[in-house]
């Protein structure tokens, strides 16, 4: 686990963290945290590609025939 310091008030690990709080964090990189010891957890590229593949692409709705 990495030891981090909160830069601003943020919600991390189901709790509010005040600016300057030092705590253990084991999660993905967060821009609101300053890493003191350790490094952020790297996410697998395979997981990211799978997540992108499962997202549905936007498609326009079919136009209705006008009632004349």
N, C-alpha and C. Protein backbone atom coordinates (compact mmCIF):
# COMPACT_ATOMS: atom_id res chain seq x y z
N UNK A 1 0.84 -1.18 0.00
CA UNK A 1 0.00 0.00 0.00
C UNK A 1 0.88 1.24 0.00
N UNK A 2 0.39 2.24 -0.67
CA UNK A 2 1.12 3.50 -0.75
C UNK A 2 0.64 4.43 0.36
N UNK A 3 1.57 5.21 0.86
CA UNK A 3 1.22 6.22 1.85
C UNK A 3 1.04 7.53 1.09
N UNK A 4 -0.10 8.19 1.30
CA UNK A 4 -0.44 9.39 0.54
C UNK A 4 -0.87 10.52 1.47
N UNK A 5 -0.84 11.74 0.91
CA UNK A 5 -1.33 12.91 1.62
C UNK A 5 -2.38 13.57 0.73
N UNK A 6 -3.51 13.94 1.31
CA UNK A 6 -4.57 14.60 0.54
C UNK A 6 -4.17 16.03 0.25
N UNK A 7 -4.30 16.46 -1.01
CA UNK A 7 -3.98 17.83 -1.40
C UNK A 7 -5.17 18.76 -1.10
N UNK A 8 -6.38 18.24 -1.28
CA UNK A 8 -7.60 19.01 -1.07
C UNK A 8 -8.59 18.12 -0.32
N UNK A 9 -9.72 18.68 0.04
CA UNK A 9 -10.78 17.87 0.63
C UNK A 9 -11.27 16.93 -0.46
N UNK A 10 -11.29 15.62 -0.18
CA UNK A 10 -11.72 14.65 -1.17
C UNK A 10 -12.37 13.45 -0.48
N UNK A 11 -13.10 12.67 -1.24
CA UNK A 11 -13.78 11.47 -0.75
C UNK A 11 -13.01 10.26 -1.24
N UNK A 12 -12.31 9.58 -0.33
CA UNK A 12 -11.48 8.43 -0.68
C UNK A 12 -11.77 7.30 0.30
N UNK A 13 -11.91 6.08 -0.22
CA UNK A 13 -12.15 4.89 0.61
C UNK A 13 -13.32 5.08 1.57
N UNK A 14 -14.43 5.54 1.04
CA UNK A 14 -15.66 5.72 1.81
C UNK A 14 -15.51 6.68 2.99
N UNK A 15 -14.68 7.68 2.85
CA UNK A 15 -14.52 8.67 3.90
C UNK A 15 -14.02 9.99 3.37
N UNK A 16 -14.40 11.07 4.04
CA UNK A 16 -13.92 12.40 3.66
C UNK A 16 -12.52 12.59 4.22
N UNK A 17 -11.62 13.06 3.38
CA UNK A 17 -10.24 13.34 3.78
C UNK A 17 -10.02 14.84 3.70
N UNK A 18 -9.47 15.41 4.74
CA UNK A 18 -9.16 16.83 4.78
C UNK A 18 -7.80 17.06 4.14
N UNK A 19 -7.55 18.28 3.67
CA UNK A 19 -6.26 18.62 3.09
C UNK A 19 -5.17 18.41 4.13
N UNK A 20 -4.12 17.69 3.78
CA UNK A 20 -3.00 17.42 4.68
C UNK A 20 -3.08 16.09 5.41
N UNK A 21 -4.22 15.39 5.35
CA UNK A 21 -4.34 14.08 6.00
C UNK A 21 -3.40 13.08 5.33
N UNK A 22 -2.69 12.29 6.13
CA UNK A 22 -1.80 11.25 5.63
C UNK A 22 -2.44 9.91 5.96
N UNK A 23 -2.55 9.02 4.95
CA UNK A 23 -3.19 7.73 5.16
C UNK A 23 -2.70 6.73 4.12
N UNK A 24 -3.05 5.47 4.31
CA UNK A 24 -2.70 4.39 3.39
C UNK A 24 -3.76 4.32 2.30
N UNK A 25 -3.35 4.18 1.05
CA UNK A 25 -4.28 4.13 -0.07
C UNK A 25 -3.81 3.06 -1.04
N UNK A 26 -4.72 2.15 -1.39
CA UNK A 26 -4.41 1.08 -2.33
C UNK A 26 -5.44 1.11 -3.45
N UNK A 27 -5.30 2.06 -4.34
CA UNK A 27 -6.26 2.21 -5.42
C UNK A 27 -5.59 2.83 -6.63
N UNK A 28 -6.38 3.13 -7.64
CA UNK A 28 -5.83 3.73 -8.86
C UNK A 28 -5.33 5.15 -8.60
N UNK A 29 -4.54 5.66 -9.52
CA UNK A 29 -3.96 6.99 -9.37
C UNK A 29 -5.06 8.03 -9.19
N UNK A 30 -4.84 8.93 -8.25
CA UNK A 30 -5.81 9.97 -7.94
C UNK A 30 -5.07 11.29 -7.92
N UNK A 31 -5.55 12.27 -8.66
CA UNK A 31 -4.86 13.56 -8.76
C UNK A 31 -5.00 14.39 -7.49
N UNK A 32 -5.91 14.04 -6.60
CA UNK A 32 -6.09 14.77 -5.35
C UNK A 32 -5.14 14.29 -4.26
N UNK A 33 -4.32 13.29 -4.57
CA UNK A 33 -3.43 12.71 -3.57
C UNK A 33 -1.98 12.90 -3.98
N UNK A 34 -1.14 13.16 -2.99
CA UNK A 34 0.31 13.27 -3.20
C UNK A 34 0.92 11.98 -2.65
N UNK A 35 1.63 11.26 -3.48
CA UNK A 35 2.20 9.97 -3.09
C UNK A 35 3.50 10.20 -2.33
N UNK A 36 3.55 9.76 -1.07
CA UNK A 36 4.73 9.92 -0.23
C UNK A 36 5.63 8.70 -0.32
N UNK A 37 5.06 7.52 -0.11
CA UNK A 37 5.79 6.26 -0.21
C UNK A 37 4.97 5.31 -1.06
N UNK A 38 5.62 4.61 -1.94
CA UNK A 38 4.92 3.69 -2.82
C UNK A 38 4.47 4.38 -4.09
N UNK A 39 3.74 3.66 -4.90
CA UNK A 39 3.28 4.18 -6.19
C UNK A 39 1.82 3.80 -6.37
N UNK A 40 1.12 4.52 -7.23
CA UNK A 40 -0.28 4.16 -7.48
C UNK A 40 -0.39 2.80 -8.16
N UNK A 41 -1.51 2.15 -7.95
CA UNK A 41 -1.75 0.84 -8.55
C UNK A 41 -1.94 1.02 -10.04
N UNK A 42 -1.22 0.23 -10.81
CA UNK A 42 -1.36 0.27 -12.26
C UNK A 42 -2.51 -0.64 -12.66
N UNK A 43 -3.41 -0.15 -13.51
CA UNK A 43 -4.52 -0.98 -13.99
C UNK A 43 -4.06 -1.76 -15.20
N UNK A 44 -4.58 -2.95 -15.35
CA UNK A 44 -4.22 -3.81 -16.47
C UNK A 44 -4.81 -3.26 -17.76
N UNK A 45 -4.02 -3.27 -18.81
CA UNK A 45 -4.50 -2.80 -20.10
C UNK A 45 -5.61 -3.71 -20.62
N UNK A 46 -5.55 -4.98 -20.26
CA UNK A 46 -6.57 -5.93 -20.71
C UNK A 46 -7.92 -5.55 -20.11
N UNK A 47 -7.94 -5.18 -18.83
CA UNK A 47 -9.18 -4.79 -18.19
C UNK A 47 -9.75 -3.53 -18.83
N UNK A 48 -8.89 -2.57 -19.15
CA UNK A 48 -9.35 -1.34 -19.78
C UNK A 48 -9.92 -1.61 -21.17
N UNK A 49 -9.26 -2.48 -21.95
CA UNK A 49 -9.75 -2.80 -23.28
C UNK A 49 -11.08 -3.53 -23.20
N UNK A 50 -11.24 -4.42 -22.23
CA UNK A 50 -12.50 -5.14 -22.07
C UNK A 50 -13.62 -4.18 -21.69
N UNK A 51 -13.32 -3.22 -20.85
CA UNK A 51 -14.33 -2.24 -20.44
C UNK A 51 -14.74 -1.37 -21.62
N UNK A 52 -13.79 -0.99 -22.46
CA UNK A 52 -14.10 -0.18 -23.63
C UNK A 52 -14.91 -0.98 -24.65
N UNK A 53 -14.65 -2.27 -24.76
CA UNK A 53 -15.35 -3.10 -25.73
C UNK A 53 -16.80 -3.32 -25.31
N UNK A 54 -17.09 -3.33 -24.02
CA UNK A 54 -18.45 -3.60 -23.56
C UNK A 54 -19.33 -2.36 -23.55
N UNK A 55 -18.75 -1.17 -23.67
CA UNK A 55 -19.57 0.04 -23.68
C UNK A 55 -20.31 0.14 -25.00
N UNK A 56 -21.56 0.53 -24.92
CA UNK A 56 -22.38 0.62 -26.12
C UNK A 56 -22.13 1.94 -26.82
N UNK A 57 -21.97 1.86 -28.11
CA UNK A 57 -21.78 3.06 -28.91
C UNK A 57 -23.12 3.77 -29.07
N UNK A 58 -23.06 5.07 -29.20
CA UNK A 58 -24.26 5.87 -29.39
C UNK A 58 -24.75 5.71 -30.81
N UNK A 59 -26.05 5.56 -30.96
CA UNK A 59 -26.64 5.52 -32.29
C UNK A 59 -27.91 6.37 -32.26
N UNK A 60 -28.19 7.05 -33.35
CA UNK A 60 -29.38 7.91 -33.35
C UNK A 60 -30.65 7.07 -33.36
N UNK A 61 -31.71 7.63 -32.79
CA UNK A 61 -32.98 6.93 -32.79
C UNK A 61 -33.61 7.01 -34.18
N UNK A 62 -34.42 6.02 -34.47
CA UNK A 62 -35.08 5.99 -35.76
C UNK A 62 -36.12 7.11 -35.82
N UNK A 63 -36.25 7.71 -36.98
CA UNK A 63 -37.22 8.79 -37.16
C UNK A 63 -38.61 8.18 -37.32
N UNK A 64 -39.59 8.85 -36.73
CA UNK A 64 -40.97 8.38 -36.85
C UNK A 64 -41.57 8.94 -38.13
N UNK A 65 -42.45 8.16 -38.69
CA UNK A 65 -43.17 8.62 -39.88
C UNK A 65 -44.13 9.71 -39.43
N UNK A 66 -44.18 10.80 -40.17
CA UNK A 66 -45.07 11.89 -39.78
C UNK A 66 -46.51 11.53 -40.14
N UNK A 67 -47.41 11.84 -39.23
CA UNK A 67 -48.83 11.57 -39.46
C UNK A 67 -49.43 12.74 -40.21
N UNK A 68 -49.80 12.53 -41.43
CA UNK A 68 -50.36 13.62 -42.24
C UNK A 68 -51.80 13.39 -42.55
